[in-house]
Amino acid sequence: MSYLEKHPSINPEKIGDLGDSKGAELVLLLASLNSSIRAVVAFAPSSVVWQSLAPGFPKTSSWVLKGEELPFVPFAFVFPFRGLTELHLKSLEKTEAVEKATLQVEKINGPILLLSGEEDWMWPSALMGNKIIERLKKASFPFPY
């Protein structure tokens, strides 16, 4: 962000973030933590921070801030395994973890565009996008979304 804000060809008042799937989780998180980000586009978004996708799926957060793991939703055990969307849906039933890991999107300092589909085979992005919208409405979010 420091590089972008100081670059002579960039207007520091118009910095935006764009990401898809896991990247959408990240851009929503980053924008909620950094008010210099003034717009977000999230394709197939997440409404929470998830467990790491590193090899072996370690029981750690996907993201670290200032050396500390961010709260995350751990993956649920699903048997028989029928796909990642089912795994994510089952994991979202862990209400205490979801509450702690929910992205604070109401802190974003600009408009938000969410794009998702009902037949996402990775995770329930439409459901999570709707959760984000509910949170923004509840907070009387002042920017377009």
C-alpha atoms as a PDB file:
ATOM      1  CA  MET A   1       0.000   0.000   0.000  1.00  0.00           C
ATOM      2  CA  SER A   2       2.851   2.385   0.778  1.00  0.00           C
ATOM      3  CA  TYR A   3       4.257   1.830  -2.708  1.00  0.00           C
ATOM      4  CA  LEU A   4       0.894   2.442  -4.362  1.00  0.00           C
ATOM      5  CA  GLU A   5       0.100   5.508  -2.275  1.00  0.00           C
ATOM      6  CA  LYS A   6       3.451   7.125  -3.194  1.00  0.00           C
ATOM      7  CA  HIS A   7       3.557   6.144  -6.867  1.00  0.00           C
ATOM      8  CA  PRO A   8       3.299   9.291  -9.066  1.00  0.00           C
ATOM      9  CA  SER A   9       0.857   7.741 -11.553  1.00  0.00           C
ATOM     10  CA  ILE A  10      -1.602   6.497  -8.925  1.00  0.00           C
ATOM     11  CA  ASN A  11      -4.274   8.540  -7.202  1.00  0.00           C
ATOM     12  CA  PRO A  12      -4.046   7.384  -3.556  1.00  0.00           C
ATOM     13  CA  GLU A  13      -7.723   8.268  -3.082  1.00  0.00           C
ATOM     14  CA  LYS A  14      -8.773   5.702  -5.702  1.00  0.00           C
ATOM     15  CA  ILE A  15      -6.999   2.482  -4.738  1.00  0.00           C
ATOM     16  CA  GLY A  16      -9.186  -0.603  -5.071  1.00  0.00           C
ATOM     17  CA  ASP A  17      -8.828  -4.330  -4.485  1.00  0.00           C
ATOM     18  CA  LEU A  18     -10.023  -7.220  -6.640  1.00  0.00           C
ATOM     19  CA  GLY A  19      -9.911 -10.923  -5.863  1.00  0.00           C
ATOM     20  CA  ASP A  20     -11.682 -14.175  -6.563  1.00  0.00           C
ATOM     21  CA  SER A  21     -12.499 -17.096  -4.274  1.00  0.00           C
ATOM     22  CA  LYS A  22      -9.724 -17.311  -1.672  1.00  0.00           C
ATOM     23  CA  GLY A  23      -8.432 -14.024  -3.091  1.00  0.00           C
ATOM     24  CA  ALA A  24     -11.876 -12.495  -2.492  1.00  0.00           C
ATOM     25  CA  GLU A  25     -11.602 -13.548   1.154  1.00  0.00           C
ATOM     26  CA  LEU A  26      -8.234 -11.772   1.275  1.00  0.00           C
ATOM     27  CA  VAL A  27      -9.296  -8.523  -0.428  1.00  0.00           C
ATOM     28  CA  LEU A  28     -12.337  -8.165   1.832  1.00  0.00           C
ATOM     29  CA  LEU A  29     -10.111  -8.786   4.855  1.00  0.00           C
ATOM     30  CA  LEU A  30      -7.447  -6.322   3.670  1.00  0.00           C
ATOM     31  CA  ALA A  31      -9.980  -3.599   2.920  1.00  0.00           C
ATOM     32  CA  SER A  32     -11.603  -4.066   6.339  1.00  0.00           C
ATOM     33  CA  LEU A  33      -8.191  -3.489   7.951  1.00  0.00           C
ATOM     34  CA  ASN A  34      -6.852  -0.690   5.718  1.00  0.00           C
ATOM     35  CA  SER A  35      -8.913   2.439   5.056  1.00  0.00           C
ATOM     36  CA  SER A  36      -6.637   3.409   2.133  1.00  0.00           C
ATOM     37  CA  ILE A  37      -8.428   0.763   0.057  1.00  0.00           C
ATOM     38  CA  ARG A  38     -11.410   2.647  -1.370  1.00  0.00           C
ATOM     39  CA  ALA A  39     -13.242  -0.024  -3.386  1.00  0.00           C
ATOM     40  CA  VAL A  40     -13.513  -3.811  -3.428  1.00  0.00           C
ATOM     41  CA  VAL A  41     -14.567  -6.292  -6.102  1.00  0.00           C
ATOM     42  CA  ALA A  42     -14.945  -9.830  -4.749  1.00  0.00           C
ATOM     43  CA  PHE A  43     -15.778 -12.744  -7.075  1.00  0.00           C
ATOM     44  CA  ALA A  44     -17.125 -15.813  -5.207  1.00  0.00           C
ATOM     45  CA  PRO A  45     -16.576 -14.141  -1.816  1.00  0.00           C
ATOM     46  CA  SER A  46     -16.260 -15.533   1.661  1.00  0.00           C
ATOM     47  CA  SER A  47     -17.849 -13.912   4.697  1.00  0.00           C
ATOM     48  CA  VAL A  48     -15.321 -15.459   7.091  1.00  0.00           C
ATOM     49  CA  VAL A  49     -11.642 -16.262   7.448  1.00  0.00           C
ATOM     50  CA  TRP A  50     -11.115 -19.964   6.733  1.00  0.00           C
ATOM     51  CA  GLN A  51      -8.684 -22.618   7.860  1.00  0.00           C
ATOM     52  CA  SER A  52      -5.458 -22.797   5.876  1.00  0.00           C
ATOM     53  CA  LEU A  53      -5.411 -24.553   2.517  1.00  0.00           C
ATOM     54  CA  ALA A  54      -1.717 -25.406   2.868  1.00  0.00           C
ATOM     55  CA  PRO A  55      -0.725 -29.024   2.100  1.00  0.00           C
ATOM     56  CA  GLY A  56      -2.199 -31.321   4.743  1.00  0.00           C
ATOM     57  CA  PHE A  57      -4.792 -28.684   5.726  1.00  0.00           C
ATOM     58  CA  PRO A  58      -3.096 -27.710   9.005  1.00  0.00           C
ATOM     59  CA  LYS A  59      -5.437 -26.488  11.757  1.00  0.00           C
ATOM     60  CA  THR A  60      -4.190 -22.932  11.345  1.00  0.00           C
ATOM     61  CA  SER A  61      -5.624 -19.722   9.981  1.00  0.00           C
ATOM     62  CA  SER A  62      -5.170 -18.782   6.361  1.00  0.00           C
ATOM     63  CA  TRP A  63      -4.029 -15.325   7.424  1.00  0.00           C
ATOM     64  CA  VAL A  64      -1.649 -13.792   9.956  1.00  0.00           C
ATOM     65  CA  LEU A  65      -1.617 -10.167  11.125  1.00  0.00           C
ATOM     66  CA  LYS A  66       1.401  -8.768  12.967  1.00  0.00           C
ATOM     67  CA  GLY A  67       2.628 -12.284  13.703  1.00  0.00           C
ATOM     68  CA  GLU A  68      -0.717 -13.467  15.109  1.00  0.00           C
ATOM     69  CA  GLU A  69      -3.089 -15.902  13.424  1.00  0.00           C
ATOM     70  CA  LEU A  70      -6.491 -14.422  12.699  1.00  0.00           C
ATOM     71  CA  PRO A  71      -9.514 -16.291  14.056  1.00  0.00           C
ATOM     72  CA  PHE A  72     -10.742 -18.824  11.494  1.00  0.00           C
ATOM     73  CA  VAL A  73     -13.459 -21.348  10.757  1.00  0.00           C
ATOM     74  CA  PRO A  74     -11.963 -24.854  10.899  1.00  0.00           C
ATOM     75  CA  PHE A  75     -13.035 -27.428   8.377  1.00  0.00           C
ATOM     76  CA  ALA A  76     -15.667 -29.884   9.568  1.00  0.00           C
ATOM     77  CA  PHE A  77     -15.239 -33.599   9.183  1.00  0.00           C
ATOM     78  CA  VAL A  78     -17.622 -34.784   6.458  1.00  0.00           C
ATOM     79  CA  PHE A  79     -18.074 -38.465   5.697  1.00  0.00           C
ATOM     80  CA  PRO A  80     -18.643 -39.586   3.107  1.00  0.00           C
ATOM     81  CA  PHE A  81     -16.892 -36.679   1.418  1.00  0.00           C
ATOM     82  CA  ARG A  82     -19.066 -35.408  -1.441  1.00  0.00           C
ATOM     83  CA  GLY A  83     -17.347 -32.150  -2.274  1.00  0.00           C
ATOM     84  CA  LEU A  84     -15.900 -28.915  -1.045  1.00  0.00           C
ATOM     85  CA  THR A  85     -19.186 -26.997  -0.983  1.00  0.00           C
ATOM     86  CA  GLU A  86     -20.653 -29.535   1.466  1.00  0.00           C
ATOM     87  CA  LEU A  87     -17.499 -29.331   3.589  1.00  0.00           C
ATOM     88  CA  HIS A  88     -17.768 -25.540   3.766  1.00  0.00           C
ATOM     89  CA  LEU A  89     -21.518 -25.629   4.519  1.00  0.00           C
ATOM     90  CA  LYS A  90     -20.957 -28.091   7.374  1.00  0.00           C
ATOM     91  CA  SER A  91     -18.087 -25.958   8.678  1.00  0.00           C
ATOM     92  CA  LEU A  92     -20.331 -22.864   8.744  1.00  0.00           C
ATOM     93  CA  GLU A  93     -22.500 -24.658  11.320  1.00  0.00           C
ATOM     94  CA  LYS A  94     -19.738 -23.992  13.886  1.00  0.00           C
ATOM     95  CA  THR A  95     -21.446 -20.804  15.063  1.00  0.00           C
ATOM     96  CA  GLU A  96     -18.870 -19.768  17.679  1.00  0.00           C
ATOM     97  CA  ALA A  97     -16.005 -20.055  15.199  1.00  0.00           C
ATOM     98  CA  VAL A  98     -18.038 -18.277  12.507  1.00  0.00           C
ATOM     99  CA  GLU A  99     -18.807 -15.412  14.878  1.00  0.00           C
ATOM    100  CA  LYS A 100     -15.124 -14.939  15.732  1.00  0.00           C
ATOM    101  CA  ALA A 101     -13.932 -15.294  12.116  1.00  0.00           C
ATOM    102  CA  THR A 102     -16.556 -13.134  10.386  1.00  0.00           C
ATOM    103  CA  LEU A 103     -15.030 -10.459   8.184  1.00  0.00           C
ATOM    104  CA  GLN A 104     -15.795  -6.960   9.440  1.00  0.00           C
ATOM    105  CA  VAL A 105     -16.836  -5.700   6.027  1.00  0.00           C
ATOM    106  CA  GLU A 106     -18.671  -2.736   7.525  1.00  0.00           C
ATOM    107  CA  LYS A 107     -15.223  -1.186   8.147  1.00  0.00           C
ATOM    108  CA  ILE A 108     -14.450  -1.034   4.413  1.00  0.00           C
ATOM    109  CA  ASN A 109     -13.943   2.548   3.243  1.00  0.00           C
ATOM    110  CA  GLY A 110     -15.712   2.453  -0.110  1.00  0.00           C
ATOM    111  CA  PRO A 111     -18.119   0.624  -2.408  1.00  0.00           C
ATOM    112  CA  ILE A 112     -18.194  -3.178  -2.604  1.00  0.00           C
ATOM    113  CA  LEU A 113     -19.142  -5.306  -5.599  1.00  0.00           C
ATOM    114  CA  LEU A 114     -19.845  -8.968  -4.852  1.00  0.00           C
ATOM    115  CA  LEU A 115     -20.316 -11.548  -7.617  1.00  0.00           C
ATOM    116  CA  SER A 116     -21.269 -15.142  -6.866  1.00  0.00           C
ATOM    117  CA  GLY A 117     -23.223 -18.079  -8.171  1.00  0.00           C
ATOM    118  CA  GLU A 118     -25.572 -20.595  -6.616  1.00  0.00           C
ATOM    119  CA  GLU A 119     -23.666 -23.516  -8.155  1.00  0.00           C
ATOM    120  CA  ASP A 120     -20.193 -22.682  -6.857  1.00  0.00           C
ATOM    121  CA  TRP A 121     -18.371 -26.014  -6.509  1.00  0.00           C
ATOM    122  CA  MET A 122     -15.726 -24.689  -4.117  1.00  0.00           C
ATOM    123  CA  TRP A 123     -17.765 -23.029  -1.390  1.00  0.00           C
ATOM    124  CA  PRO A 124     -21.227 -21.488  -0.901  1.00  0.00           C
ATOM    125  CA  SER A 125     -20.238 -18.070  -2.242  1.00  0.00           C
ATOM    126  CA  ALA A 126     -23.845 -16.926  -2.830  1.00  0.00           C
ATOM    127  CA  LEU A 127     -24.760 -17.756   0.777  1.00  0.00           C
ATOM    128  CA  MET A 128     -21.657 -16.004   2.090  1.00  0.00           C
ATOM    129  CA  GLY A 129     -22.214 -13.030  -0.232  1.00  0.00           C
ATOM    130  CA  ASN A 130     -25.721 -12.723   1.196  1.00  0.00           C
ATOM    131  CA  LYS A 131     -24.251 -12.810   4.727  1.00  0.00           C
ATOM    132  CA  ILE A 132     -21.980  -9.927   3.755  1.00  0.00           C
ATOM    133  CA  ILE A 133     -24.961  -7.952   2.405  1.00  0.00           C
ATOM    134  CA  GLU A 134     -26.916  -8.608   5.633  1.00  0.00           C
ATOM    135  CA  ARG A 135     -23.977  -7.333   7.689  1.00  0.00           C
ATOM    136  CA  LEU A 136     -23.657  -4.187   5.547  1.00  0.00           C
ATOM    137  CA  LYS A 137     -27.390  -3.469   5.827  1.00  0.00           C
ATOM    138  CA  LYS A 138     -27.339  -3.971   9.601  1.00  0.00           C
ATOM    139  CA  ALA A 139     -24.419  -1.541   9.889  1.00  0.00           C
ATOM    140  CA  SER A 140     -26.088   1.055   7.594  1.00  0.00           C
ATOM    141  CA  PHE A 141     -23.013   0.874   5.394  1.00  0.00           C
ATOM    142  CA  PRO A 142     -22.642   4.337   3.802  1.00  0.00           C
ATOM    143  CA  PHE A 143     -21.240   3.235   0.413  1.00  0.00           C
ATOM    144  CA  PRO A 144     -22.895   1.457  -2.535  1.00  0.00           C
ATOM    145  CA  TYR A 145     -22.859  -2.345  -2.420  1.00  0.00           C
END
